[in-house]
N, C-alpha and C. Protein backbone atom coordinates (compact mmCIF):
# COMPACT_ATOMS: atom_id res chain seq x y z
N MET A 1 16.62 29.61 -7.36
CA MET A 1 15.63 29.02 -7.08
C MET A 1 15.64 27.49 -7.12
N ASN A 2 15.07 26.87 -6.16
CA ASN A 2 15.06 25.47 -6.04
C ASN A 2 13.73 24.89 -6.29
N VAL A 3 13.63 23.69 -6.75
CA VAL A 3 12.46 23.06 -6.92
C VAL A 3 12.33 21.85 -6.06
N LEU A 4 11.89 22.28 -4.76
CA LEU A 4 11.81 21.41 -3.54
C LEU A 4 10.47 21.70 -2.95
N TYR A 5 9.66 20.52 -3.11
CA TYR A 5 8.24 20.64 -2.67
C TYR A 5 8.14 20.05 -1.11
N SER A 6 7.45 20.59 -0.39
CA SER A 6 7.20 20.16 1.08
C SER A 6 6.40 18.90 1.07
N ALA A 7 6.77 17.89 1.67
CA ALA A 7 5.96 16.68 1.86
C ALA A 7 5.82 16.31 3.36
N PHE A 8 4.65 15.88 3.67
CA PHE A 8 4.56 15.45 5.22
C PHE A 8 4.31 13.81 5.17
N PHE A 9 5.12 13.32 5.91
CA PHE A 9 5.31 11.86 5.96
C PHE A 9 4.59 11.46 7.34
N LYS A 10 3.69 10.63 7.48
CA LYS A 10 3.07 10.24 8.66
C LYS A 10 3.09 8.60 8.78
N TYR A 11 3.71 8.18 9.86
CA TYR A 11 3.51 6.70 10.00
C TYR A 11 2.39 6.22 10.68
N ASP A 12 1.69 5.23 10.18
CA ASP A 12 0.44 4.67 10.72
C ASP A 12 0.76 3.54 11.37
N LYS A 13 0.73 3.29 12.83
CA LYS A 13 1.04 2.12 13.58
C LYS A 13 0.15 0.90 13.19
N SER A 14 -1.09 1.23 13.04
CA SER A 14 -2.03 0.08 12.73
C SER A 14 -1.73 -0.59 11.42
N ASP A 15 -1.50 0.33 10.41
CA ASP A 15 -0.95 -0.34 8.99
C ASP A 15 0.35 -0.54 8.93
N LYS A 16 1.27 -0.03 9.74
CA LYS A 16 2.57 -0.11 9.57
C LYS A 16 3.20 0.16 8.31
N ARG A 17 2.70 1.32 7.82
CA ARG A 17 3.09 2.08 6.52
C ARG A 17 3.31 3.50 6.86
N TYR A 18 4.05 4.08 6.08
CA TYR A 18 4.15 5.52 5.95
C TYR A 18 3.28 5.92 4.99
N TYR A 19 2.73 7.08 5.15
CA TYR A 19 1.89 7.81 4.08
C TYR A 19 2.48 9.17 4.02
N VAL A 20 2.36 9.62 2.58
CA VAL A 20 3.06 10.89 2.24
C VAL A 20 1.96 11.58 1.43
N HIS A 21 1.93 13.13 1.74
CA HIS A 21 1.09 13.78 1.00
C HIS A 21 1.94 15.34 0.88
N PHE A 22 1.73 15.99 -0.28
CA PHE A 22 2.14 17.22 -0.76
C PHE A 22 1.11 18.27 -0.57
N PRO A 23 1.35 19.19 0.34
CA PRO A 23 0.12 20.18 0.39
C PRO A 23 -0.02 21.12 -0.92
N ASP A 24 1.13 21.46 -1.59
CA ASP A 24 0.96 22.25 -2.88
C ASP A 24 0.27 21.44 -3.81
N LEU A 25 0.27 20.22 -4.04
CA LEU A 25 -0.12 19.30 -5.00
C LEU A 25 -0.98 18.24 -4.38
N PRO A 26 -2.38 18.54 -4.04
CA PRO A 26 -3.15 17.62 -3.42
C PRO A 26 -3.27 16.26 -3.94
N GLU A 27 -3.27 16.09 -5.19
CA GLU A 27 -3.39 14.77 -5.97
C GLU A 27 -2.01 13.91 -5.75
N ALA A 28 -0.87 14.53 -5.15
CA ALA A 28 0.27 13.77 -5.03
C ALA A 28 0.23 13.13 -3.68
N ILE A 29 -0.17 11.77 -3.59
CA ILE A 29 -0.33 11.08 -2.45
C ILE A 29 0.35 9.74 -2.79
N THR A 30 1.16 9.36 -1.75
CA THR A 30 1.88 8.03 -1.74
C THR A 30 2.04 7.41 -0.51
N GLU A 31 2.63 6.18 -0.62
CA GLU A 31 2.88 5.48 0.87
C GLU A 31 3.90 4.57 0.56
N GLY A 32 4.54 3.86 1.54
CA GLY A 32 5.44 2.91 1.71
C GLY A 32 5.61 1.99 2.95
N ALA A 33 6.08 0.99 2.76
CA ALA A 33 6.26 0.03 3.95
C ALA A 33 7.36 0.46 4.84
N THR A 34 8.30 0.99 4.14
CA THR A 34 9.52 1.58 5.04
C THR A 34 9.75 3.08 4.73
N ALA A 35 10.33 3.86 5.45
CA ALA A 35 10.75 5.15 5.26
C ALA A 35 11.36 5.23 4.02
N GLU A 36 12.39 4.35 3.75
CA GLU A 36 13.09 4.56 2.60
C GLU A 36 12.00 4.39 1.15
N GLU A 37 11.17 3.35 1.27
CA GLU A 37 10.32 3.22 0.16
C GLU A 37 9.35 4.35 0.02
N ALA A 38 8.97 4.98 1.11
CA ALA A 38 7.89 6.14 1.19
C ALA A 38 8.69 7.24 0.61
N LEU A 39 9.92 7.46 0.96
CA LEU A 39 10.94 8.56 0.31
C LEU A 39 11.10 8.38 -1.04
N PHE A 40 11.23 7.17 -1.54
CA PHE A 40 11.46 6.84 -2.98
C PHE A 40 10.25 7.28 -3.77
N ASN A 41 9.15 6.63 -3.30
CA ASN A 41 7.83 6.88 -3.87
C ASN A 41 7.32 8.28 -3.89
N ALA A 42 7.85 9.01 -2.84
CA ALA A 42 7.42 10.48 -2.73
C ALA A 42 8.10 11.14 -4.04
N THR A 43 9.43 10.92 -4.33
CA THR A 43 9.95 11.50 -5.38
C THR A 43 9.46 11.15 -6.79
N GLU A 44 9.04 9.84 -6.79
CA GLU A 44 8.38 9.38 -8.11
C GLU A 44 6.94 9.90 -8.25
N VAL A 45 6.12 10.05 -7.15
CA VAL A 45 4.91 10.67 -7.51
C VAL A 45 4.93 12.22 -7.75
N LEU A 46 5.87 12.76 -7.00
CA LEU A 46 6.08 14.27 -7.17
C LEU A 46 6.41 14.45 -8.76
N THR A 47 7.37 13.80 -9.26
CA THR A 47 7.83 14.07 -10.58
C THR A 47 6.46 13.56 -11.61
N LEU A 48 5.77 12.56 -11.28
CA LEU A 48 4.73 12.12 -12.24
C LEU A 48 3.69 13.31 -12.17
N THR A 49 3.30 13.86 -10.81
CA THR A 49 2.36 14.78 -10.81
C THR A 49 2.92 16.19 -11.43
N LEU A 50 3.94 16.54 -11.35
CA LEU A 50 4.47 17.70 -11.98
C LEU A 50 4.40 17.53 -13.58
N GLU A 51 4.93 16.29 -14.06
CA GLU A 51 4.77 16.10 -15.64
C GLU A 51 3.28 16.17 -15.98
N GLY A 52 2.52 15.56 -15.21
CA GLY A 52 1.10 15.49 -15.70
C GLY A 52 0.37 16.91 -15.74
N ARG A 53 0.81 17.70 -14.67
CA ARG A 53 0.28 19.05 -14.64
C ARG A 53 0.77 19.91 -16.08
N ILE A 54 2.13 19.77 -16.33
CA ILE A 54 2.75 20.33 -17.47
C ILE A 54 2.03 19.81 -18.78
N ASP A 55 1.92 18.58 -18.87
CA ASP A 55 1.39 17.79 -20.14
C ASP A 55 -0.21 18.34 -20.11
N GLU A 56 -0.85 18.56 -19.16
CA GLU A 56 -2.31 18.79 -19.22
C GLU A 56 -2.41 20.37 -19.40
N GLY A 57 -1.47 21.18 -19.42
CA GLY A 57 -1.60 22.55 -19.43
C GLY A 57 -2.13 23.17 -18.00
N MET A 58 -1.99 22.45 -16.95
CA MET A 58 -2.43 22.83 -15.58
C MET A 58 -1.46 23.84 -15.10
N GLU A 59 -1.95 24.73 -14.10
CA GLU A 59 -1.01 25.45 -13.17
C GLU A 59 -0.09 24.35 -12.43
N VAL A 60 1.11 24.80 -12.32
CA VAL A 60 2.11 24.21 -11.47
C VAL A 60 2.54 25.25 -10.48
N PRO A 61 2.16 25.22 -9.33
CA PRO A 61 2.42 26.00 -8.24
C PRO A 61 3.92 26.04 -7.96
N LYS A 62 4.40 27.20 -7.45
CA LYS A 62 5.82 27.28 -6.95
C LYS A 62 5.70 26.64 -5.49
N PRO A 63 6.73 25.99 -5.14
CA PRO A 63 6.69 25.07 -4.03
C PRO A 63 6.82 26.17 -2.76
N LYS A 64 6.03 25.81 -1.70
CA LYS A 64 6.13 26.65 -0.40
C LYS A 64 6.71 25.59 0.62
N HIS A 65 7.32 26.24 1.58
CA HIS A 65 7.88 25.30 2.50
C HIS A 65 7.06 25.46 3.90
N TYR A 66 6.78 24.34 4.41
CA TYR A 66 5.89 24.30 5.63
C TYR A 66 6.79 23.69 6.68
N LYS A 67 6.43 24.29 7.76
CA LYS A 67 7.20 23.84 9.04
C LYS A 67 6.89 22.29 9.35
N GLY A 68 8.08 21.52 9.65
CA GLY A 68 7.83 20.09 9.95
C GLY A 68 7.63 19.12 8.64
N ALA A 69 7.80 19.87 7.49
CA ALA A 69 7.64 19.07 6.29
C ALA A 69 9.23 18.73 5.84
N LYS A 70 9.23 17.63 4.93
CA LYS A 70 10.46 17.15 4.36
C LYS A 70 10.36 17.87 2.86
N LEU A 71 11.68 18.32 2.53
CA LEU A 71 11.84 18.86 1.20
C LEU A 71 12.04 17.68 0.25
N ILE A 72 11.23 17.73 -0.91
CA ILE A 72 11.48 16.64 -1.98
C ILE A 72 11.68 17.20 -3.18
N ALA A 73 12.60 16.91 -3.98
CA ALA A 73 12.89 17.28 -5.23
C ALA A 73 12.34 16.29 -6.44
N PRO A 74 11.79 16.63 -7.40
CA PRO A 74 11.40 15.87 -8.55
C PRO A 74 12.71 15.55 -9.31
N ASN A 75 12.55 14.66 -10.52
CA ASN A 75 13.78 14.27 -11.10
C ASN A 75 14.33 15.66 -11.91
N ALA A 76 15.62 15.45 -12.52
CA ALA A 76 16.32 16.62 -12.87
C ALA A 76 15.54 17.28 -14.23
N ARG A 77 15.13 16.43 -15.06
CA ARG A 77 14.22 17.05 -16.13
C ARG A 77 13.11 17.74 -15.68
N ALA A 78 12.29 17.32 -14.82
CA ALA A 78 11.21 18.24 -14.35
C ALA A 78 11.80 19.44 -13.69
N GLN A 79 12.81 19.32 -13.00
CA GLN A 79 13.20 20.74 -12.32
C GLN A 79 13.79 21.52 -13.40
N ALA A 80 14.41 21.10 -14.37
CA ALA A 80 14.86 21.94 -15.45
C ALA A 80 13.80 22.66 -16.07
N ALA A 81 12.52 21.84 -16.55
CA ALA A 81 11.61 22.46 -17.08
C ALA A 81 10.84 23.47 -16.46
N LEU A 82 10.49 23.21 -15.06
CA LEU A 82 9.98 24.10 -14.28
C LEU A 82 10.74 25.38 -14.03
N LEU A 83 11.94 25.38 -13.76
CA LEU A 83 12.93 26.59 -13.66
C LEU A 83 12.92 27.34 -15.04
N MET A 84 12.87 26.70 -16.09
CA MET A 84 12.88 27.47 -17.45
C MET A 84 11.49 28.20 -17.40
N ARG A 85 10.50 27.44 -17.17
CA ARG A 85 9.12 28.06 -17.30
C ARG A 85 8.96 29.11 -16.38
N TRP A 86 9.51 29.20 -15.13
CA TRP A 86 9.40 30.03 -14.29
C TRP A 86 10.13 31.36 -14.42
N ALA A 87 11.41 30.95 -14.82
CA ALA A 87 12.42 32.13 -15.12
C ALA A 87 12.22 32.84 -16.33
N LYS A 88 11.40 32.33 -17.15
CA LYS A 88 11.51 33.25 -18.45
C LYS A 88 10.56 34.32 -18.13
N GLY A 89 9.75 34.28 -17.36
CA GLY A 89 8.86 35.56 -17.11
C GLY A 89 8.04 35.94 -18.40
N GLU A 90 8.30 37.27 -18.67
CA GLU A 90 7.60 37.76 -19.80
C GLU A 90 8.33 37.40 -21.12
N HIS A 91 9.46 36.93 -21.23
CA HIS A 91 10.04 36.40 -22.44
C HIS A 91 9.13 35.52 -23.15
N THR A 92 8.99 35.70 -24.43
CA THR A 92 8.28 34.76 -25.23
C THR A 92 9.27 33.46 -25.67
N THR A 93 8.82 32.39 -26.06
CA THR A 93 9.55 31.27 -26.60
C THR A 93 10.27 31.79 -28.09
N ALA A 94 9.63 32.65 -28.68
CA ALA A 94 10.28 33.12 -29.80
C ALA A 94 11.38 34.11 -29.68
N GLU A 95 11.16 34.92 -28.60
CA GLU A 95 12.30 35.95 -28.32
C GLU A 95 13.55 35.17 -27.87
N ILE A 96 13.40 34.12 -27.04
CA ILE A 96 14.39 33.13 -26.62
C ILE A 96 15.15 32.50 -27.79
N ALA A 97 14.29 32.09 -28.67
CA ALA A 97 14.83 31.44 -29.93
C ALA A 97 15.71 32.37 -30.63
N ARG A 98 15.11 33.47 -31.07
CA ARG A 98 15.97 34.42 -31.64
C ARG A 98 17.23 34.87 -30.88
N ALA A 99 17.24 34.95 -29.62
CA ALA A 99 18.38 35.41 -28.87
C ALA A 99 19.54 34.15 -28.98
N LEU A 100 18.91 33.07 -29.12
CA LEU A 100 19.95 31.81 -29.03
C LEU A 100 20.19 31.57 -30.61
N ASN A 101 19.59 32.10 -31.49
CA ASN A 101 19.83 31.78 -33.02
C ASN A 101 19.43 30.19 -33.11
N THR A 102 18.12 29.83 -32.68
CA THR A 102 17.72 28.45 -32.77
C THR A 102 16.17 28.61 -33.17
N SER A 103 15.62 27.31 -33.27
CA SER A 103 14.35 27.31 -33.72
C SER A 103 13.26 27.44 -32.22
N TRP A 104 12.21 27.85 -32.55
CA TRP A 104 11.12 27.87 -31.58
C TRP A 104 10.98 26.25 -30.86
N PRO A 105 10.94 25.30 -31.69
CA PRO A 105 10.83 24.01 -30.95
C PRO A 105 12.00 23.62 -29.96
N ALA A 106 13.20 24.07 -30.42
CA ALA A 106 14.24 23.79 -29.68
C ALA A 106 14.15 24.27 -28.26
N VAL A 107 13.66 25.52 -28.25
CA VAL A 107 13.50 26.28 -26.93
C VAL A 107 12.39 25.81 -26.29
N ALA A 108 11.24 25.48 -26.83
CA ALA A 108 9.96 24.85 -26.20
C ALA A 108 10.36 23.49 -25.64
N ARG A 109 11.34 22.83 -26.09
CA ARG A 109 11.67 21.53 -25.49
C ARG A 109 12.21 21.67 -23.97
N LEU A 110 12.91 22.84 -23.87
CA LEU A 110 13.59 23.23 -22.54
C LEU A 110 12.49 23.15 -21.51
N GLU A 111 11.24 23.38 -21.83
CA GLU A 111 10.16 23.34 -20.87
C GLU A 111 9.38 22.07 -20.73
N ASP A 112 9.82 21.19 -21.58
CA ASP A 112 9.18 19.79 -21.72
C ASP A 112 9.80 18.87 -20.56
N PRO A 113 9.26 18.39 -19.52
CA PRO A 113 9.71 17.64 -18.54
C PRO A 113 10.23 16.09 -19.03
N HIS A 114 9.98 15.83 -20.31
CA HIS A 114 10.26 14.55 -20.74
C HIS A 114 11.43 14.69 -21.60
N HIS A 115 12.17 15.80 -21.80
CA HIS A 115 13.19 15.97 -22.72
C HIS A 115 14.22 16.21 -21.84
N TRP A 116 15.55 15.67 -22.24
CA TRP A 116 16.81 15.87 -21.51
C TRP A 116 17.59 16.99 -22.07
N PRO A 117 17.57 18.27 -21.61
CA PRO A 117 18.30 19.26 -22.00
C PRO A 117 19.78 18.98 -21.71
N ASN A 118 20.59 19.42 -22.40
CA ASN A 118 22.08 19.49 -22.00
C ASN A 118 22.47 20.85 -21.27
N LEU A 119 23.58 20.78 -20.43
CA LEU A 119 23.96 21.86 -19.73
C LEU A 119 24.32 23.14 -20.66
N ARG A 120 24.75 23.08 -21.73
CA ARG A 120 25.17 24.08 -22.72
C ARG A 120 23.80 24.72 -23.07
N GLN A 121 22.75 23.96 -23.28
CA GLN A 121 21.56 24.47 -23.82
C GLN A 121 20.93 25.37 -22.58
N LEU A 122 20.76 24.78 -21.40
CA LEU A 122 20.28 25.30 -20.24
C LEU A 122 21.01 26.68 -19.91
N GLU A 123 22.47 26.74 -20.00
CA GLU A 123 23.22 27.87 -19.52
C GLU A 123 23.05 28.84 -20.60
N ARG A 124 22.97 28.66 -21.94
CA ARG A 124 22.52 29.59 -22.95
C ARG A 124 21.22 30.13 -22.69
N ALA A 125 20.11 29.38 -22.47
CA ALA A 125 18.91 30.02 -22.35
C ALA A 125 18.75 30.73 -21.13
N ALA A 126 19.36 30.33 -20.08
CA ALA A 126 19.27 31.21 -18.85
C ALA A 126 19.91 32.47 -19.14
N ALA A 127 20.99 32.56 -19.78
CA ALA A 127 21.73 33.86 -20.20
C ALA A 127 20.70 34.56 -21.02
N ALA A 128 20.00 34.11 -21.91
CA ALA A 128 19.17 34.87 -22.77
C ALA A 128 17.97 35.58 -22.05
N ILE A 129 17.69 35.01 -20.85
CA ILE A 129 16.51 35.49 -20.08
C ILE A 129 17.09 36.24 -18.75
N GLY A 130 18.42 36.54 -18.85
CA GLY A 130 18.99 37.36 -17.78
C GLY A 130 19.20 36.57 -16.51
N GLN A 131 19.37 35.30 -16.54
CA GLN A 131 19.51 34.27 -15.46
C GLN A 131 20.91 33.55 -15.57
N ARG A 132 21.20 33.05 -14.36
CA ARG A 132 22.56 32.35 -14.51
C ARG A 132 22.26 30.96 -13.93
N LEU A 133 22.67 29.84 -14.68
CA LEU A 133 22.54 28.50 -14.39
C LEU A 133 23.50 28.30 -13.27
N VAL A 134 22.69 27.49 -12.25
CA VAL A 134 23.67 27.01 -10.94
C VAL A 134 23.39 25.60 -10.78
N ILE A 135 24.34 24.82 -10.57
CA ILE A 135 24.02 23.45 -10.30
C ILE A 135 24.51 23.05 -8.88
N SER A 136 23.64 22.09 -8.47
CA SER A 136 23.85 21.86 -7.00
C SER A 136 23.68 20.17 -6.91
N LEU A 137 24.45 19.66 -5.85
CA LEU A 137 24.29 18.37 -5.47
C LEU A 137 23.81 18.43 -3.90
N GLU A 138 22.59 17.75 -3.67
CA GLU A 138 22.10 17.70 -2.41
C GLU A 138 22.18 16.44 -1.70
N PRO A 139 22.41 16.37 -0.45
CA PRO A 139 22.36 15.05 0.35
C PRO A 139 20.87 14.42 0.21
N VAL A 140 20.72 13.24 -0.13
CA VAL A 140 19.64 12.38 -0.17
C VAL A 140 19.15 12.15 1.46
N VAL A 141 17.85 12.63 1.45
CA VAL A 141 17.22 12.48 2.93
C VAL A 141 17.11 10.93 3.09
N ARG A 142 17.58 10.57 4.35
CA ARG A 142 17.57 8.99 4.38
C ARG A 142 16.57 8.64 5.58
N GLN A 143 16.52 9.73 6.57
CA GLN A 143 15.81 9.45 7.80
C GLN A 143 14.47 10.08 7.97
N ILE A 144 13.15 9.32 8.07
CA ILE A 144 11.96 9.86 8.35
C ILE A 144 11.54 9.34 9.72
N GLU A 145 11.22 10.39 10.37
CA GLU A 145 10.93 10.08 11.82
C GLU A 145 9.48 9.27 11.86
N LYS A 146 9.28 8.47 12.83
CA LYS A 146 7.92 7.70 12.90
C LYS A 146 6.97 8.93 13.79
């Protein structure tokens, strides 16, 4: 599973600005004077929105892909936290901690978007819940059409 959210970019000729919104996260709205600035800001607002929802205990919807939208990824910490949260399913934090022979807080940090887990932690936690860690490098989207 990837954590790529659909974003719509619209160029406003009168304002000479790009406006961005995420249909899955209505509060995630941003803009930029250039396509590159709007794309950078979109990544930032997506990350902050997801972190805020997690911090506030709000629902974080799984991303849907919409025709004509650009797919935007939040930062790696937010991606890791969401993937662990979604993949653990019915497994409790205590169950995973026992399987990893570690503490409950150590496992809970894996779902914290402000924590930098290491690859070994993520790989072991994934295995404990019957998953496999896959790492990918994706090209950065550079072009946004007007």
